[in-house]
N, C-alpha and C. Protein backbone atom coordinates (compact mmCIF):
# COMPACT_ATOMS: atom_id res chain seq x y z
N UNK A 1 -19.62 17.06 -62.83
CA UNK A 1 -20.01 17.80 -64.01
C UNK A 1 -21.20 18.68 -63.67
N UNK A 2 -21.15 19.92 -64.08
CA UNK A 2 -22.25 20.85 -63.84
C UNK A 2 -23.26 20.76 -64.96
N UNK A 3 -24.53 20.83 -64.57
CA UNK A 3 -25.59 20.85 -65.58
C UNK A 3 -25.67 22.25 -66.19
N UNK A 4 -26.31 22.43 -67.32
CA UNK A 4 -26.41 23.75 -67.93
C UNK A 4 -27.06 24.77 -66.98
N UNK A 5 -28.01 24.33 -66.19
CA UNK A 5 -28.64 25.23 -65.21
C UNK A 5 -27.66 25.61 -64.12
N UNK A 6 -26.79 24.68 -63.72
CA UNK A 6 -25.78 24.95 -62.70
C UNK A 6 -24.73 25.93 -63.19
N UNK A 7 -24.37 25.82 -64.47
CA UNK A 7 -23.39 26.73 -65.06
C UNK A 7 -23.95 28.15 -65.08
N UNK A 8 -25.21 28.30 -65.50
CA UNK A 8 -25.79 29.64 -65.56
C UNK A 8 -25.96 30.22 -64.15
N UNK A 9 -26.27 29.38 -63.18
CA UNK A 9 -26.38 29.87 -61.80
C UNK A 9 -25.01 30.31 -61.27
N UNK A 10 -23.97 29.57 -61.61
CA UNK A 10 -22.62 29.94 -61.18
C UNK A 10 -22.19 31.25 -61.83
N UNK A 11 -22.51 31.42 -63.12
CA UNK A 11 -22.18 32.67 -63.82
C UNK A 11 -22.93 33.85 -63.21
N UNK A 12 -24.20 33.64 -62.88
CA UNK A 12 -25.00 34.70 -62.28
C UNK A 12 -24.43 35.08 -60.91
N UNK A 13 -24.06 34.10 -60.12
CA UNK A 13 -23.47 34.36 -58.81
C UNK A 13 -22.15 35.12 -58.95
N UNK A 14 -21.33 34.74 -59.90
CA UNK A 14 -20.05 35.42 -60.13
C UNK A 14 -20.29 36.87 -60.56
N UNK A 15 -21.29 37.10 -61.40
CA UNK A 15 -21.60 38.46 -61.85
C UNK A 15 -22.08 39.33 -60.70
N UNK A 16 -22.90 38.76 -59.83
CA UNK A 16 -23.40 39.51 -58.67
C UNK A 16 -22.26 39.86 -57.73
N UNK A 17 -21.36 38.92 -57.49
CA UNK A 17 -20.24 39.16 -56.59
C UNK A 17 -19.29 40.22 -57.13
N UNK A 18 -19.03 40.22 -58.43
CA UNK A 18 -18.10 41.22 -58.98
C UNK A 18 -18.72 42.60 -59.02
N UNK A 19 -20.02 42.70 -59.28
CA UNK A 19 -20.64 44.03 -59.32
C UNK A 19 -20.85 44.59 -57.93
N UNK A 20 -20.98 43.74 -56.93
CA UNK A 20 -21.19 44.26 -55.58
C UNK A 20 -19.91 44.89 -55.03
N UNK A 21 -18.74 44.49 -55.56
CA UNK A 21 -17.48 45.05 -55.08
C UNK A 21 -17.14 46.37 -55.78
N UNK A 22 -17.71 46.61 -56.95
CA UNK A 22 -17.42 47.84 -57.69
C UNK A 22 -18.03 49.02 -56.93
N UNK A 23 -17.36 50.17 -57.06
CA UNK A 23 -17.85 51.36 -56.37
C UNK A 23 -19.12 51.87 -57.03
N UNK A 24 -20.03 52.32 -56.20
CA UNK A 24 -21.25 52.93 -56.70
C UNK A 24 -20.99 54.41 -56.93
N UNK A 25 -21.84 55.04 -57.69
CA UNK A 25 -21.70 56.47 -57.99
C UNK A 25 -21.69 57.28 -56.70
N UNK A 26 -20.69 58.12 -56.52
CA UNK A 26 -20.59 58.97 -55.33
C UNK A 26 -19.93 58.29 -54.14
N UNK A 27 -19.67 56.99 -54.24
CA UNK A 27 -19.03 56.28 -53.14
C UNK A 27 -17.52 56.54 -53.20
N UNK A 28 -16.89 56.62 -52.05
CA UNK A 28 -15.46 56.90 -51.95
C UNK A 28 -15.11 58.23 -52.62
N UNK A 29 -15.97 59.20 -52.44
CA UNK A 29 -15.84 60.51 -53.09
C UNK A 29 -14.48 61.15 -52.83
N UNK A 30 -14.07 61.19 -51.57
CA UNK A 30 -12.82 61.85 -51.22
C UNK A 30 -11.63 61.06 -51.76
N UNK A 31 -11.67 59.75 -51.63
CA UNK A 31 -10.59 58.88 -52.11
C UNK A 31 -10.39 59.06 -53.62
N UNK A 32 -11.46 58.92 -54.38
CA UNK A 32 -11.37 59.01 -55.84
C UNK A 32 -10.91 60.39 -56.27
N UNK A 33 -11.46 61.44 -55.66
CA UNK A 33 -11.10 62.80 -56.05
C UNK A 33 -9.66 63.12 -55.69
N UNK A 34 -9.26 62.83 -54.45
CA UNK A 34 -7.91 63.14 -54.01
C UNK A 34 -6.87 62.37 -54.82
N UNK A 35 -7.07 61.06 -54.97
CA UNK A 35 -6.10 60.26 -55.71
C UNK A 35 -6.10 60.64 -57.20
N UNK A 36 -7.24 61.02 -57.73
CA UNK A 36 -7.31 61.47 -59.13
C UNK A 36 -6.48 62.73 -59.34
N UNK A 37 -6.65 63.71 -58.43
CA UNK A 37 -5.85 64.94 -58.52
C UNK A 37 -4.37 64.63 -58.31
N UNK A 38 -4.09 63.75 -57.37
CA UNK A 38 -2.70 63.38 -57.08
C UNK A 38 -2.05 62.71 -58.29
N UNK A 39 -2.73 61.78 -58.89
CA UNK A 39 -2.20 61.08 -60.08
C UNK A 39 -1.99 62.08 -61.22
N UNK A 40 -2.93 62.99 -61.39
CA UNK A 40 -2.80 64.03 -62.42
C UNK A 40 -1.57 64.90 -62.18
N UNK A 41 -1.32 65.24 -60.90
CA UNK A 41 -0.16 66.08 -60.59
C UNK A 41 1.15 65.30 -60.82
N UNK A 42 1.13 64.00 -60.58
CA UNK A 42 2.32 63.17 -60.85
C UNK A 42 2.65 63.20 -62.34
N UNK A 43 1.63 63.05 -63.15
CA UNK A 43 1.85 63.05 -64.59
C UNK A 43 2.26 64.44 -65.09
N UNK A 44 1.65 65.47 -64.52
CA UNK A 44 1.96 66.84 -64.92
C UNK A 44 3.40 67.21 -64.61
N UNK A 45 3.88 66.78 -63.43
CA UNK A 45 5.25 67.09 -63.02
C UNK A 45 6.26 66.05 -63.51
N UNK A 46 5.77 65.09 -64.31
CA UNK A 46 6.61 64.04 -64.90
C UNK A 46 7.45 63.30 -63.84
N UNK A 47 6.78 62.94 -62.74
CA UNK A 47 7.43 62.18 -61.67
C UNK A 47 7.63 60.75 -62.16
N UNK A 48 8.81 60.20 -61.89
CA UNK A 48 9.10 58.81 -62.23
C UNK A 48 8.15 57.93 -61.42
N UNK A 49 7.35 57.14 -62.12
CA UNK A 49 6.32 56.37 -61.43
C UNK A 49 6.85 55.05 -60.89
N UNK A 50 7.83 55.14 -59.98
CA UNK A 50 8.20 53.94 -59.23
C UNK A 50 7.61 54.11 -57.84
N UNK A 51 7.44 53.03 -57.15
CA UNK A 51 6.72 53.03 -55.88
C UNK A 51 7.31 54.00 -54.86
N UNK A 52 8.62 54.08 -54.76
CA UNK A 52 9.27 54.96 -53.79
C UNK A 52 9.01 56.42 -54.06
N UNK A 53 9.13 56.84 -55.33
CA UNK A 53 8.90 58.24 -55.68
C UNK A 53 7.44 58.63 -55.51
N UNK A 54 6.54 57.70 -55.85
CA UNK A 54 5.10 57.96 -55.68
C UNK A 54 4.79 58.12 -54.20
N UNK A 55 5.40 57.29 -53.36
CA UNK A 55 5.18 57.37 -51.92
C UNK A 55 5.67 58.70 -51.36
N UNK A 56 6.84 59.15 -51.78
CA UNK A 56 7.38 60.44 -51.32
C UNK A 56 6.45 61.58 -51.74
N UNK A 57 5.99 61.54 -52.98
CA UNK A 57 5.09 62.58 -53.48
C UNK A 57 3.76 62.55 -52.73
N UNK A 58 3.29 61.34 -52.39
CA UNK A 58 2.03 61.21 -51.65
C UNK A 58 2.17 61.81 -50.25
N UNK A 59 3.28 61.52 -49.59
CA UNK A 59 3.52 62.09 -48.26
C UNK A 59 3.57 63.61 -48.32
N UNK A 60 4.20 64.15 -49.35
CA UNK A 60 4.29 65.60 -49.52
C UNK A 60 2.90 66.19 -49.78
N UNK A 61 2.14 65.53 -50.62
CA UNK A 61 0.79 65.99 -50.96
C UNK A 61 -0.12 65.93 -49.73
N UNK A 62 0.02 64.89 -48.95
CA UNK A 62 -0.79 64.76 -47.74
C UNK A 62 -0.39 65.76 -46.67
N UNK A 63 0.86 66.20 -46.69
CA UNK A 63 1.31 67.22 -45.75
C UNK A 63 0.57 68.53 -45.94
N UNK A 64 0.16 68.81 -47.18
CA UNK A 64 -0.54 70.05 -47.49
C UNK A 64 -2.05 69.88 -47.49
N UNK A 65 -2.54 68.66 -47.33
CA UNK A 65 -3.99 68.40 -47.40
C UNK A 65 -4.69 68.94 -46.15
N UNK A 66 -5.93 69.37 -46.36
CA UNK A 66 -6.75 69.88 -45.26
C UNK A 66 -8.11 69.21 -45.29
N UNK A 67 -8.79 69.29 -44.19
CA UNK A 67 -10.17 68.82 -44.12
C UNK A 67 -10.31 67.32 -44.35
N UNK A 68 -11.26 66.97 -45.21
CA UNK A 68 -11.55 65.56 -45.47
C UNK A 68 -10.39 64.87 -46.16
N UNK A 69 -9.64 65.59 -46.98
CA UNK A 69 -8.49 64.99 -47.65
C UNK A 69 -7.40 64.65 -46.64
N UNK A 70 -7.23 65.49 -45.62
CA UNK A 70 -6.28 65.19 -44.56
C UNK A 70 -6.72 63.94 -43.79
N UNK A 71 -8.02 63.81 -43.56
CA UNK A 71 -8.56 62.63 -42.87
C UNK A 71 -8.30 61.38 -43.71
N UNK A 72 -8.47 61.48 -45.03
CA UNK A 72 -8.17 60.36 -45.91
C UNK A 72 -6.70 59.96 -45.78
N UNK A 73 -5.83 60.96 -45.79
CA UNK A 73 -4.39 60.70 -45.65
C UNK A 73 -4.08 60.02 -44.32
N UNK A 74 -4.80 60.42 -43.28
CA UNK A 74 -4.64 59.80 -41.96
C UNK A 74 -5.01 58.32 -42.03
N UNK A 75 -6.12 58.02 -42.69
CA UNK A 75 -6.58 56.63 -42.79
C UNK A 75 -5.59 55.74 -43.53
N UNK A 76 -4.92 56.28 -44.56
CA UNK A 76 -3.97 55.44 -45.30
C UNK A 76 -2.57 55.49 -44.70
N UNK A 77 -2.39 56.29 -43.66
CA UNK A 77 -1.11 56.33 -42.96
C UNK A 77 -0.11 57.29 -43.56
N UNK A 78 -0.58 58.30 -44.25
CA UNK A 78 0.33 59.24 -44.90
C UNK A 78 0.50 60.53 -44.10
N UNK A 79 0.05 60.53 -42.84
CA UNK A 79 0.28 61.68 -41.96
C UNK A 79 1.17 61.22 -40.81
N UNK A 80 1.80 62.16 -40.16
CA UNK A 80 2.75 61.81 -39.10
C UNK A 80 2.07 61.22 -37.87
N UNK A 81 0.79 61.53 -37.66
CA UNK A 81 0.08 61.04 -36.47
C UNK A 81 -0.75 59.79 -36.74
N UNK A 82 -0.65 59.21 -37.92
CA UNK A 82 -1.44 58.04 -38.28
C UNK A 82 -0.99 56.80 -37.52
N UNK A 83 -1.96 55.97 -37.18
CA UNK A 83 -1.67 54.75 -36.43
C UNK A 83 -1.33 53.58 -37.35
N UNK A 84 -1.86 53.60 -38.56
CA UNK A 84 -1.62 52.51 -39.50
C UNK A 84 -0.85 53.03 -40.70
N UNK A 85 -0.26 52.11 -41.43
CA UNK A 85 0.47 52.47 -42.64
C UNK A 85 -0.04 51.60 -43.80
N UNK A 86 -0.82 52.20 -44.67
CA UNK A 86 -1.28 51.50 -45.87
C UNK A 86 -0.84 52.26 -47.12
N UNK A 87 0.22 53.00 -47.02
CA UNK A 87 0.67 53.83 -48.14
C UNK A 87 1.01 52.96 -49.35
N UNK A 88 1.58 51.78 -49.10
CA UNK A 88 1.92 50.88 -50.21
C UNK A 88 0.70 50.45 -51.00
N UNK A 89 -0.47 50.42 -50.33
CA UNK A 89 -1.71 50.04 -51.00
C UNK A 89 -2.12 51.09 -52.03
N UNK A 90 -1.52 52.28 -51.94
CA UNK A 90 -1.80 53.36 -52.89
C UNK A 90 -0.62 53.55 -53.84
N UNK A 91 0.59 53.62 -53.31
CA UNK A 91 1.74 53.95 -54.14
C UNK A 91 2.08 52.87 -55.17
N UNK A 92 2.03 51.61 -54.79
CA UNK A 92 2.36 50.55 -55.74
C UNK A 92 1.37 50.49 -56.90
N UNK A 93 0.05 50.44 -56.62
CA UNK A 93 -0.89 50.41 -57.75
C UNK A 93 -0.79 51.66 -58.65
N UNK A 94 -0.57 52.83 -58.05
CA UNK A 94 -0.42 54.05 -58.86
C UNK A 94 0.81 53.95 -59.76
N UNK A 95 1.88 53.34 -59.25
CA UNK A 95 3.09 53.21 -60.06
C UNK A 95 2.86 52.27 -61.24
N UNK A 96 1.86 51.39 -61.14
CA UNK A 96 1.51 50.48 -62.23
C UNK A 96 0.35 51.01 -63.06
N UNK A 97 -0.05 52.27 -62.81
CA UNK A 97 -1.15 52.94 -63.54
C UNK A 97 -2.51 52.27 -63.34
N UNK A 98 -2.74 51.70 -62.17
CA UNK A 98 -4.04 51.12 -61.85
C UNK A 98 -5.03 52.28 -61.69
N UNK A 99 -6.23 52.16 -62.27
CA UNK A 99 -7.22 53.24 -62.13
C UNK A 99 -7.52 53.55 -60.66
N UNK A 100 -7.77 54.83 -60.40
CA UNK A 100 -7.98 55.32 -59.04
C UNK A 100 -9.17 54.64 -58.37
N UNK A 101 -10.25 54.44 -59.11
CA UNK A 101 -11.42 53.82 -58.49
C UNK A 101 -11.14 52.38 -58.06
N UNK A 102 -10.29 51.69 -58.78
CA UNK A 102 -9.92 50.32 -58.38
C UNK A 102 -9.09 50.34 -57.10
N UNK A 103 -8.21 51.34 -56.98
CA UNK A 103 -7.40 51.47 -55.77
C UNK A 103 -8.32 51.73 -54.58
N UNK A 104 -9.31 52.60 -54.77
CA UNK A 104 -10.24 52.92 -53.69
C UNK A 104 -11.09 51.71 -53.31
N UNK A 105 -11.44 50.88 -54.28
CA UNK A 105 -12.17 49.63 -53.97
C UNK A 105 -11.35 48.76 -53.02
N UNK A 106 -10.07 48.61 -53.32
CA UNK A 106 -9.21 47.78 -52.48
C UNK A 106 -9.02 48.39 -51.10
N UNK A 107 -8.91 49.72 -51.05
CA UNK A 107 -8.78 50.39 -49.75
C UNK A 107 -10.06 50.21 -48.93
N UNK A 108 -11.20 50.21 -49.61
CA UNK A 108 -12.48 50.03 -48.92
C UNK A 108 -12.53 48.66 -48.22
N UNK A 109 -11.97 47.65 -48.87
CA UNK A 109 -11.94 46.32 -48.26
C UNK A 109 -11.08 46.31 -47.00
N UNK A 110 -10.01 47.09 -46.99
CA UNK A 110 -9.11 47.13 -45.84
C UNK A 110 -9.67 47.98 -44.71
N UNK A 111 -10.28 49.13 -45.06
CA UNK A 111 -10.82 50.05 -44.06
C UNK A 111 -12.03 50.76 -44.66
N UNK A 112 -13.21 50.38 -44.23
CA UNK A 112 -14.44 50.93 -44.81
C UNK A 112 -14.62 52.42 -44.52
N UNK A 113 -13.93 52.94 -43.50
CA UNK A 113 -14.06 54.37 -43.18
C UNK A 113 -13.58 55.25 -44.33
N UNK A 114 -12.66 54.74 -45.12
CA UNK A 114 -12.11 55.51 -46.23
C UNK A 114 -13.21 55.92 -47.20
N UNK A 115 -14.14 55.02 -47.45
CA UNK A 115 -15.21 55.33 -48.40
C UNK A 115 -16.38 56.03 -47.76
N UNK A 116 -16.37 56.18 -46.47
CA UNK A 116 -17.44 56.93 -45.80
C UNK A 116 -17.18 58.42 -45.80
N UNK A 117 -15.95 58.83 -46.15
CA UNK A 117 -15.63 60.25 -46.20
C UNK A 117 -16.35 60.93 -47.36
N UNK A 118 -16.99 62.04 -47.07
CA UNK A 118 -17.68 62.84 -48.08
C UNK A 118 -17.28 64.29 -47.89
N UNK A 119 -17.20 65.02 -48.99
CA UNK A 119 -16.92 66.45 -48.90
C UNK A 119 -18.14 67.17 -48.34
N UNK A 120 -17.87 68.24 -47.60
CA UNK A 120 -18.96 69.07 -47.10
C UNK A 120 -19.55 69.85 -48.27
N UNK A 121 -20.85 70.13 -48.18
CA UNK A 121 -21.48 70.93 -49.22
C UNK A 121 -20.89 72.34 -49.18
N UNK A 122 -20.60 72.86 -50.35
CA UNK A 122 -20.06 74.21 -50.45
C UNK A 122 -21.21 75.21 -50.49
N UNK A 123 -21.08 76.24 -49.68
CA UNK A 123 -22.09 77.30 -49.66
C UNK A 123 -21.85 78.25 -50.83
N UNK A 124 -22.94 78.74 -51.41
CA UNK A 124 -22.85 79.76 -52.44
C UNK A 124 -22.84 81.11 -51.73
N UNK A 125 -21.66 81.64 -51.51
CA UNK A 125 -21.52 82.87 -50.73
C UNK A 125 -22.14 84.08 -51.42
N UNK A 126 -22.38 83.97 -52.72
CA UNK A 126 -22.96 85.11 -53.42
C UNK A 126 -24.45 85.27 -53.13
N UNK A 127 -25.10 84.18 -52.71
CA UNK A 127 -26.55 84.28 -52.49
C UNK A 127 -27.00 83.90 -51.07
N UNK A 128 -26.15 83.27 -50.28
CA UNK A 128 -26.57 82.82 -48.95
C UNK A 128 -26.74 84.01 -48.01
N UNK A 129 -27.75 83.91 -47.16
CA UNK A 129 -27.96 84.94 -46.14
C UNK A 129 -27.13 84.55 -44.92
N UNK A 130 -26.05 85.27 -44.70
CA UNK A 130 -25.14 84.93 -43.59
C UNK A 130 -25.84 85.00 -42.24
N UNK A 131 -26.83 85.85 -42.12
CA UNK A 131 -27.55 86.01 -40.85
C UNK A 131 -28.34 84.76 -40.48
N UNK A 132 -28.66 83.94 -41.48
CA UNK A 132 -29.45 82.73 -41.23
C UNK A 132 -28.57 81.50 -40.96
N UNK A 133 -27.27 81.64 -41.15
CA UNK A 133 -26.36 80.52 -40.89
C UNK A 133 -26.07 80.41 -39.40
N UNK A 134 -25.71 79.20 -38.98
CA UNK A 134 -25.30 78.99 -37.60
C UNK A 134 -23.87 79.48 -37.42
N UNK A 135 -23.50 79.81 -36.20
CA UNK A 135 -22.15 80.28 -35.90
C UNK A 135 -21.13 79.22 -36.32
N UNK A 136 -21.49 77.94 -36.13
CA UNK A 136 -20.61 76.84 -36.52
C UNK A 136 -20.28 76.92 -38.01
N UNK A 137 -21.28 77.23 -38.85
CA UNK A 137 -21.06 77.33 -40.28
C UNK A 137 -20.22 78.57 -40.63
N UNK A 138 -20.44 79.65 -39.91
CA UNK A 138 -19.65 80.87 -40.13
C UNK A 138 -18.18 80.61 -39.77
N UNK A 139 -17.96 79.89 -38.67
CA UNK A 139 -16.59 79.54 -38.28
C UNK A 139 -15.94 78.65 -39.33
N UNK A 140 -16.73 77.73 -39.91
CA UNK A 140 -16.22 76.82 -40.93
C UNK A 140 -15.77 77.59 -42.17
N UNK A 141 -16.52 78.63 -42.56
CA UNK A 141 -16.13 79.46 -43.70
C UNK A 141 -14.77 80.09 -43.44
N UNK A 142 -14.62 80.66 -42.27
CA UNK A 142 -13.34 81.29 -41.92
C UNK A 142 -12.21 80.27 -41.87
N UNK A 143 -12.50 79.10 -41.34
CA UNK A 143 -11.48 78.04 -41.25
C UNK A 143 -11.03 77.59 -42.64
N UNK A 144 -11.98 77.47 -43.58
CA UNK A 144 -11.63 77.08 -44.95
C UNK A 144 -10.71 78.11 -45.59
N UNK A 145 -10.87 79.36 -45.21
CA UNK A 145 -10.04 80.42 -45.73
C UNK A 145 -8.71 80.52 -44.99
N UNK A 146 -8.56 79.76 -43.91
CA UNK A 146 -7.33 79.81 -43.12
C UNK A 146 -7.30 81.01 -42.20
N UNK A 147 -8.44 81.53 -41.87
CA UNK A 147 -8.56 82.71 -41.01
C UNK A 147 -9.24 82.32 -39.70
N UNK A 148 -9.12 83.20 -38.72
CA UNK A 148 -9.84 83.01 -37.46
C UNK A 148 -10.42 84.35 -37.05
N UNK A 149 -11.28 84.33 -36.09
CA UNK A 149 -11.93 85.56 -35.64
C UNK A 149 -11.66 85.71 -34.15
N UNK A 150 -10.49 86.22 -33.85
CA UNK A 150 -10.13 86.43 -32.45
C UNK A 150 -10.97 87.56 -31.88
N UNK A 151 -11.52 87.34 -30.71
CA UNK A 151 -12.33 88.36 -30.06
C UNK A 151 -13.78 88.37 -30.52
N UNK A 152 -14.15 87.46 -31.40
CA UNK A 152 -15.54 87.39 -31.85
C UNK A 152 -16.38 86.69 -30.78
N UNK A 153 -17.38 87.40 -30.30
CA UNK A 153 -18.22 86.85 -29.25
C UNK A 153 -19.63 86.58 -29.74
N UNK A 154 -20.06 87.33 -30.74
CA UNK A 154 -21.43 87.18 -31.22
C UNK A 154 -21.45 86.86 -32.70
N UNK A 155 -22.60 86.39 -33.16
CA UNK A 155 -22.77 86.03 -34.56
C UNK A 155 -22.44 87.21 -35.47
N UNK A 156 -22.84 88.40 -35.08
CA UNK A 156 -22.61 89.59 -35.91
C UNK A 156 -21.11 89.85 -36.11
N UNK A 157 -20.29 89.49 -35.12
CA UNK A 157 -18.84 89.65 -35.24
C UNK A 157 -18.28 88.74 -36.34
N UNK A 158 -18.77 87.50 -36.38
CA UNK A 158 -18.33 86.56 -37.41
C UNK A 158 -18.78 87.03 -38.79
N UNK A 159 -20.02 87.51 -38.88
CA UNK A 159 -20.54 88.00 -40.16
C UNK A 159 -19.71 89.18 -40.65
N UNK A 160 -19.37 90.09 -39.74
CA UNK A 160 -18.57 91.25 -40.11
C UNK A 160 -17.20 90.81 -40.62
N UNK A 161 -16.58 89.86 -39.95
CA UNK A 161 -15.25 89.36 -40.35
C UNK A 161 -15.32 88.70 -41.73
N UNK A 162 -16.36 87.92 -41.98
CA UNK A 162 -16.52 87.25 -43.28
C UNK A 162 -16.71 88.27 -44.39
N UNK A 163 -17.53 89.29 -44.14
CA UNK A 163 -17.75 90.30 -45.17
C UNK A 163 -16.48 91.13 -45.43
N UNK A 164 -15.66 91.31 -44.41
CA UNK A 164 -14.38 92.01 -44.60
C UNK A 164 -13.43 91.20 -45.47
N UNK A 165 -13.40 89.89 -45.25
CA UNK A 165 -12.45 89.01 -45.94
C UNK A 165 -12.96 88.48 -47.28
N UNK A 166 -14.25 88.62 -47.54
CA UNK A 166 -14.84 88.04 -48.75
C UNK A 166 -14.17 88.55 -50.04
N UNK A 167 -13.86 89.84 -50.17
CA UNK A 167 -13.21 90.27 -51.41
C UNK A 167 -11.85 89.59 -51.64
N UNK A 168 -11.17 89.20 -50.58
CA UNK A 168 -9.87 88.54 -50.70
C UNK A 168 -10.01 87.07 -51.09
N UNK A 169 -10.95 86.34 -50.47
CA UNK A 169 -11.06 84.89 -50.67
C UNK A 169 -12.15 84.48 -51.65
N UNK A 170 -13.18 85.29 -51.81
CA UNK A 170 -14.27 84.98 -52.74
C UNK A 170 -14.70 86.26 -53.46
N UNK A 171 -13.82 86.78 -54.33
CA UNK A 171 -14.11 88.07 -54.96
C UNK A 171 -15.38 88.08 -55.80
N UNK A 172 -15.66 86.98 -56.52
CA UNK A 172 -16.86 86.92 -57.33
C UNK A 172 -18.11 87.01 -56.46
N UNK A 173 -18.08 86.30 -55.32
CA UNK A 173 -19.22 86.33 -54.40
C UNK A 173 -19.37 87.72 -53.78
N UNK A 174 -18.25 88.37 -53.50
CA UNK A 174 -18.30 89.71 -52.91
C UNK A 174 -18.92 90.71 -53.88
N UNK A 175 -18.58 90.59 -55.17
CA UNK A 175 -19.16 91.49 -56.17
C UNK A 175 -20.64 91.23 -56.36
N UNK A 176 -21.05 89.93 -56.24
CA UNK A 176 -22.45 89.57 -56.49
C UNK A 176 -23.36 89.96 -55.33
N UNK A 177 -22.80 90.12 -54.16
CA UNK A 177 -23.61 90.44 -52.98
C UNK A 177 -23.97 91.93 -52.99
N UNK A 178 -25.24 92.21 -52.83
CA UNK A 178 -25.68 93.61 -52.79
C UNK A 178 -26.30 93.96 -51.45
N UNK A 179 -26.58 92.93 -50.63
CA UNK A 179 -27.26 93.18 -49.35
C UNK A 179 -26.30 93.64 -48.26
N UNK A 180 -24.99 93.53 -48.48
CA UNK A 180 -24.03 93.90 -47.45
C UNK A 180 -23.41 95.17 -47.85
């Protein structure tokens, strides 16, 4: 028989254990965002929420994913080059309408790398001084746009290419820029 003090200690321990497993604000950013958008698209397209259809849609969605979202898909085994397969850990709970953050909590227990993924900070192209950025960052801007700079040897070449393409990929930023 537990004493009243023992019962309260057991309840306190149980409360601490359950809150430590819950996701903290900003944790599993890529997982929560990607799966949230994915679940929204399933509902929007009125996909039958059985495990098989959700899995097919997830594989299709991951095929188009880039950057950190592609890395997330790799970790859960939804890319062709993935070493592990944890797709069922996502598709089955989604088919039962389990909240996305709960799914990410369970994925974190299986592979902590999933929750270490964070989106890169987005540059404000309307106000950033391109001349002060590193070449690596300039290349990243072009890569996000799906462009490359063949024959670019110097920083000024990358800046010129970005300013040429800015009206196509970031028209608002191109209009706001007056220094170029």
